[in-house]
Amino acid sequence: MTKDHGAQIKDDKLYEDLRDEGMSKEKAARIANAKAGGTLDHNSARLEDRTKDELYDEAKKIGIDGRSDMTKDELVKAIRGHK
């Protein structure tokens, strides 16, 4: 049974799964809340239409490490592969 992590966590199940994978509490919360809020869009074809700066901002928002050294294509791949 999924534990209720309070109002600050919008998707308790995803949060717990991410924590089980070893993510920090902060990173797991950001991802779980973005997914629950509909702002985490991994499979959108629109990613290729975004600028590198927009992709960087998205990667920063969801907590992708090493983003500052990534090319646009690497950012797209990282965002899509982020779970």
N, C-alpha and C. Protein backbone atom coordinates (compact mmCIF):
# COMPACT_ATOMS: atom_id res chain seq x y z
N MET A 1 0.84 -1.18 0.00
CA MET A 1 0.00 0.00 0.00
C MET A 1 0.89 1.25 0.00
N THR A 2 0.51 2.21 -0.81
CA THR A 2 1.28 3.43 -0.94
C THR A 2 1.02 4.34 0.25
N LYS A 3 2.11 4.86 0.81
CA LYS A 3 2.03 5.77 1.94
C LYS A 3 1.63 7.16 1.46
N ASP A 4 0.84 7.88 2.25
CA ASP A 4 0.48 9.26 1.95
C ASP A 4 1.62 10.15 2.43
N HIS A 5 2.26 10.85 1.50
CA HIS A 5 3.40 11.70 1.82
C HIS A 5 2.99 13.15 2.04
N GLY A 6 1.71 13.40 2.16
CA GLY A 6 1.23 14.75 2.42
C GLY A 6 0.88 15.50 1.15
N ALA A 7 0.38 16.69 1.34
CA ALA A 7 -0.11 17.50 0.21
C ALA A 7 1.00 17.95 -0.73
N GLN A 8 2.23 17.98 -0.24
CA GLN A 8 3.33 18.45 -1.09
C GLN A 8 3.71 17.44 -2.17
N ILE A 9 3.34 16.18 -2.02
CA ILE A 9 3.62 15.15 -3.03
C ILE A 9 2.31 14.82 -3.73
N LYS A 10 2.27 15.06 -5.04
CA LYS A 10 1.03 14.89 -5.79
C LYS A 10 0.80 13.47 -6.30
N ASP A 11 1.86 12.68 -6.44
CA ASP A 11 1.75 11.29 -6.90
C ASP A 11 2.61 10.42 -5.98
N ASP A 12 1.99 9.93 -4.90
CA ASP A 12 2.72 9.18 -3.88
C ASP A 12 3.37 7.91 -4.43
N LYS A 13 2.66 7.20 -5.29
CA LYS A 13 3.18 5.94 -5.84
C LYS A 13 4.44 6.19 -6.66
N LEU A 14 4.40 7.16 -7.57
CA LEU A 14 5.56 7.48 -8.39
C LEU A 14 6.71 7.96 -7.51
N TYR A 15 6.40 8.80 -6.52
CA TYR A 15 7.42 9.28 -5.59
C TYR A 15 8.14 8.11 -4.93
N GLU A 16 7.37 7.15 -4.42
CA GLU A 16 7.97 5.99 -3.76
C GLU A 16 8.81 5.16 -4.73
N ASP A 17 8.31 4.98 -5.95
CA ASP A 17 9.07 4.22 -6.95
C ASP A 17 10.40 4.91 -7.26
N LEU A 18 10.38 6.22 -7.40
CA LEU A 18 11.60 6.96 -7.69
C LEU A 18 12.58 6.90 -6.52
N ARG A 19 12.06 6.99 -5.31
CA ARG A 19 12.92 6.87 -4.12
C ARG A 19 13.54 5.47 -4.07
N ASP A 20 12.76 4.43 -4.41
CA ASP A 20 13.28 3.06 -4.43
C ASP A 20 14.40 2.89 -5.45
N GLU A 21 14.35 3.70 -6.52
CA GLU A 21 15.40 3.67 -7.54
C GLU A 21 16.64 4.44 -7.11
N GLY A 22 16.57 5.10 -5.96
CA GLY A 22 17.73 5.79 -5.43
C GLY A 22 17.75 7.29 -5.61
N MET A 23 16.68 7.87 -6.10
CA MET A 23 16.64 9.32 -6.28
C MET A 23 16.50 10.01 -4.93
N SER A 24 17.00 11.24 -4.88
CA SER A 24 16.85 12.03 -3.66
C SER A 24 15.37 12.37 -3.45
N LYS A 25 15.03 12.75 -2.24
CA LYS A 25 13.65 13.13 -1.94
C LYS A 25 13.22 14.32 -2.79
N GLU A 26 14.10 15.30 -2.93
CA GLU A 26 13.77 16.50 -3.69
C GLU A 26 13.53 16.18 -5.17
N LYS A 27 14.42 15.40 -5.75
CA LYS A 27 14.30 15.06 -7.17
C LYS A 27 13.05 14.22 -7.42
N ALA A 28 12.81 13.23 -6.56
CA ALA A 28 11.63 12.38 -6.70
C ALA A 28 10.36 13.20 -6.57
N ALA A 29 10.34 14.16 -5.65
CA ALA A 29 9.16 15.01 -5.47
C ALA A 29 8.92 15.88 -6.70
N ARG A 30 10.00 16.47 -7.25
CA ARG A 30 9.84 17.32 -8.44
C ARG A 30 9.27 16.53 -9.61
N ILE A 31 9.79 15.33 -9.81
CA ILE A 31 9.34 14.51 -10.94
C ILE A 31 7.90 14.05 -10.73
N ALA A 32 7.60 13.55 -9.53
CA ALA A 32 6.25 13.07 -9.24
C ALA A 32 5.22 14.19 -9.39
N ASN A 33 5.56 15.37 -8.91
CA ASN A 33 4.64 16.50 -8.99
C ASN A 33 4.48 17.00 -10.42
N ALA A 34 5.56 17.01 -11.19
CA ALA A 34 5.48 17.44 -12.60
C ALA A 34 4.62 16.46 -13.39
N LYS A 35 4.81 15.18 -13.15
CA LYS A 35 4.02 14.16 -13.85
C LYS A 35 2.55 14.30 -13.49
N ALA A 36 2.26 14.46 -12.19
CA ALA A 36 0.87 14.59 -11.74
C ALA A 36 0.23 15.86 -12.29
N GLY A 37 1.03 16.91 -12.44
CA GLY A 37 0.51 18.18 -12.94
C GLY A 37 0.43 18.24 -14.46
N GLY A 38 0.91 17.20 -15.12
CA GLY A 38 0.85 17.16 -16.58
C GLY A 38 1.92 17.98 -17.26
N THR A 39 2.95 18.38 -16.54
CA THR A 39 4.00 19.20 -17.15
C THR A 39 5.22 18.40 -17.54
N LEU A 40 5.19 17.11 -17.30
CA LEU A 40 6.31 16.24 -17.66
C LEU A 40 5.90 15.47 -18.90
N ASP A 41 6.47 15.83 -20.04
CA ASP A 41 6.06 15.29 -21.34
C ASP A 41 7.26 14.63 -22.00
N HIS A 42 7.45 13.33 -21.74
CA HIS A 42 8.64 12.64 -22.23
C HIS A 42 8.59 12.28 -23.71
N ASN A 43 7.44 11.95 -24.22
CA ASN A 43 7.37 11.36 -25.55
C ASN A 43 6.86 12.32 -26.62
N SER A 44 6.82 13.57 -26.31
CA SER A 44 6.31 14.55 -27.26
C SER A 44 7.28 14.77 -28.41
N ALA A 45 6.76 14.77 -29.62
CA ALA A 45 7.58 15.08 -30.79
C ALA A 45 7.98 16.55 -30.76
N ARG A 46 7.30 17.34 -29.96
CA ARG A 46 7.59 18.76 -29.87
C ARG A 46 8.98 19.03 -29.30
N LEU A 47 9.58 18.07 -28.63
CA LEU A 47 10.90 18.31 -28.05
C LEU A 47 11.90 18.76 -29.11
N GLU A 48 11.86 18.16 -30.28
CA GLU A 48 12.78 18.54 -31.34
C GLU A 48 12.54 19.97 -31.83
N ASP A 49 11.34 20.47 -31.64
CA ASP A 49 11.01 21.82 -32.08
C ASP A 49 11.42 22.89 -31.08
N ARG A 50 11.81 22.47 -29.89
CA ARG A 50 12.21 23.43 -28.86
C ARG A 50 13.66 23.85 -29.06
N THR A 51 13.99 25.02 -28.52
CA THR A 51 15.37 25.48 -28.58
C THR A 51 16.20 24.73 -27.54
N LYS A 52 17.50 24.81 -27.68
CA LYS A 52 18.38 24.16 -26.71
C LYS A 52 18.16 24.75 -25.32
N ASP A 53 17.96 26.06 -25.24
CA ASP A 53 17.71 26.70 -23.94
C ASP A 53 16.42 26.20 -23.30
N GLU A 54 15.39 26.00 -24.10
CA GLU A 54 14.13 25.47 -23.57
C GLU A 54 14.31 24.04 -23.07
N LEU A 55 15.06 23.25 -23.82
CA LEU A 55 15.33 21.88 -23.40
C LEU A 55 16.16 21.86 -22.12
N TYR A 56 17.13 22.76 -22.04
CA TYR A 56 17.96 22.86 -20.84
C TYR A 56 17.10 23.18 -19.63
N ASP A 57 16.18 24.13 -19.78
CA ASP A 57 15.29 24.50 -18.68
C ASP A 57 14.42 23.32 -18.24
N GLU A 58 13.91 22.56 -19.21
CA GLU A 58 13.11 21.37 -18.89
C GLU A 58 13.97 20.35 -18.15
N ALA A 59 15.19 20.12 -18.63
CA ALA A 59 16.09 19.17 -17.98
C ALA A 59 16.42 19.62 -16.56
N LYS A 60 16.58 20.90 -16.38
CA LYS A 60 16.84 21.44 -15.04
C LYS A 60 15.64 21.23 -14.13
N LYS A 61 14.44 21.47 -14.67
CA LYS A 61 13.22 21.34 -13.88
C LYS A 61 13.02 19.90 -13.38
N ILE A 62 13.37 18.92 -14.21
CA ILE A 62 13.15 17.53 -13.80
C ILE A 62 14.39 16.89 -13.18
N GLY A 63 15.47 17.66 -13.10
CA GLY A 63 16.64 17.20 -12.34
C GLY A 63 17.61 16.30 -13.08
N ILE A 64 17.83 16.54 -14.37
CA ILE A 64 18.78 15.75 -15.14
C ILE A 64 20.19 16.28 -14.89
N ASP A 65 21.05 15.41 -14.40
CA ASP A 65 22.43 15.77 -14.13
C ASP A 65 23.24 15.84 -15.42
N GLY A 66 24.24 16.72 -15.48
CA GLY A 66 25.12 16.83 -16.63
C GLY A 66 24.53 17.58 -17.80
N ARG A 67 23.40 18.23 -17.59
CA ARG A 67 22.69 18.89 -18.68
C ARG A 67 23.48 20.02 -19.33
N SER A 68 24.33 20.69 -18.57
CA SER A 68 25.04 21.85 -19.13
C SER A 68 26.05 21.45 -20.18
N ASP A 69 26.49 20.20 -20.17
CA ASP A 69 27.45 19.72 -21.17
C ASP A 69 26.79 19.01 -22.34
N MET A 70 25.46 18.91 -22.34
CA MET A 70 24.75 18.14 -23.38
C MET A 70 24.45 18.98 -24.60
N THR A 71 24.45 18.31 -25.75
CA THR A 71 23.99 18.93 -26.99
C THR A 71 22.46 18.92 -26.99
N LYS A 72 21.87 19.58 -27.96
CA LYS A 72 20.41 19.59 -28.07
C LYS A 72 19.87 18.17 -28.21
N ASP A 73 20.49 17.37 -29.06
CA ASP A 73 20.03 15.99 -29.25
C ASP A 73 20.17 15.16 -27.97
N GLU A 74 21.25 15.39 -27.24
CA GLU A 74 21.44 14.67 -25.98
C GLU A 74 20.40 15.09 -24.94
N LEU A 75 20.04 16.37 -24.93
CA LEU A 75 19.00 16.83 -24.01
C LEU A 75 17.65 16.18 -24.33
N VAL A 76 17.31 16.12 -25.62
CA VAL A 76 16.06 15.47 -26.03
C VAL A 76 16.05 14.01 -25.55
N LYS A 77 17.14 13.31 -25.80
CA LYS A 77 17.23 11.90 -25.40
C LYS A 77 17.14 11.75 -23.88
N ALA A 78 17.82 12.62 -23.15
CA ALA A 78 17.80 12.55 -21.69
C ALA A 78 16.41 12.82 -21.13
N ILE A 79 15.72 13.80 -21.69
CA ILE A 79 14.37 14.12 -21.23
C ILE A 79 13.42 12.96 -21.52
N ARG A 80 13.51 12.42 -22.70
CA ARG A 80 12.65 11.28 -23.04
C ARG A 80 12.95 10.04 -22.19
N GLY A 81 14.20 9.84 -21.87
CA GLY A 81 14.59 8.65 -21.11
C GLY A 81 14.47 8.79 -19.62
N HIS A 82 14.14 9.98 -19.16
CA HIS A 82 14.06 10.23 -17.72
C HIS A 82 12.76 9.68 -17.16
N LYS A 83 12.88 8.86 -16.13
CA LYS A 83 11.68 8.27 -15.51
C LYS A 83 11.68 8.48 -14.05
